[in-house]
Amino acid sequence: MPEIRQNIATKEWVIIATERSKRPHDFKAPERERAEKRAAFVPGCPFCPGNEGMTPDETFRIERGGAWSVRVTPNKFAALNREGERVRRIHGVERSMSGVGVHEVIVETPLHNKTIALLSGGEISDVLAAYRQRYESILADPRIELVIIFKNHGEAAGTSLEHPHSQLIALPIVPSQVRHRLQDALIFSDDYGECVYCRMLREERKDGRRVVAENEHFCAFILYAAASPFHIWVLPKRHAASFGAASDAELKNLADILGRVLRKLYFGLDDPDFNYVIRSAPNGLRNATYFHWYLSIVPRLGKAAGFELGSGMFINPSVPEESADFLRGVKS
């Protein structure tokens, strides 16, 4: 029988459609060229070594063996402009703000024929170190309220260049969705005297059925009320509201568990398109006791339609417990 479940952190409801549910292996991506079958270097690719002149001057890099392993540059087609003042304008129903902010690209590897799922733990650690450095550096700008770090992998996830890369957008405002999640977390803390994410983490580890992977500092699990198939959260075990608070040891552990989970998706579901995003507190709430940063992984295995648009709810044709059991069985 179908079941309607609620995410206690976001208050969002989802329909787990058991009557039309698919078996986990039915979600495998259509057959296509795998990353490792491509050339390691593509002459016209702006992110391949030797083509650095095709991108704006870099803002950060990590080097290994005399060559870069990760480099960060402003996005050539930036959504926001780094220069200018934060100015709010209100005239009747017209409300706007100057489009100041930061939009950067993090090139994850010199090799064109890789994906982050196929990088070593050390290579992923370098990517995460670049994330943290840019996160902390950009938040020092008083115009910036929120930094969002995300990755689009595959056409369905919105990527336009196949060379492995992530992006960062820093905003002069806090979007309403983020505010709502902060408010819900604060209400839960007021009602129960603890962080809702810490509660979720404790309960998921105790239950175990939806846990995909775990190590010393992190736990990855498919949400009880997953809005879509294989929707995974990776939570740090130590409470912290800001991603910038992650220690070197935690970043190393995050690299380990992120690599393991993405390899499970890569080999178990034949490299599906996906997005991941680091959800972290706004600048003014970096020490909040009621919010908890985490990384969300959303494979793009379905499409939203009229019901989702009209209700704000999603219909998930997979059972989270079965999906997690499937992924645990995939060698990574």
Foldseek 3Di string as FASTA:
>chain_A
DKDWDADLLQRAIAIQCQVQFDFLLVLFDPDDDALQPDAQDDVPDCLAPPNVVVAADWDDFDDDPRHTFKTKGFDPPDPAAQDDDWDWDDDPVDTDTHRHWTKMKMQQGNTQSDELLPDDLVSQLRSLVVVLVVQVVRLVPVQFWDKKKKFWADVLSPDDGSRYMIMMITGSDDDPSLVSSVVSLVVVCVVPVAAVVLVVVVVCVVVVLFWQDDDDFWTKGQDQRHQEPPKIKIFTNDFWQAPSPQDSVRSSVVSVVVSLQQNLCCVSRVNATKMKMWDHHISVCRHPRRHGIIMIIGGCSDDDDDVCVVPVYHYYSHRSSSNSVSSNPRGD
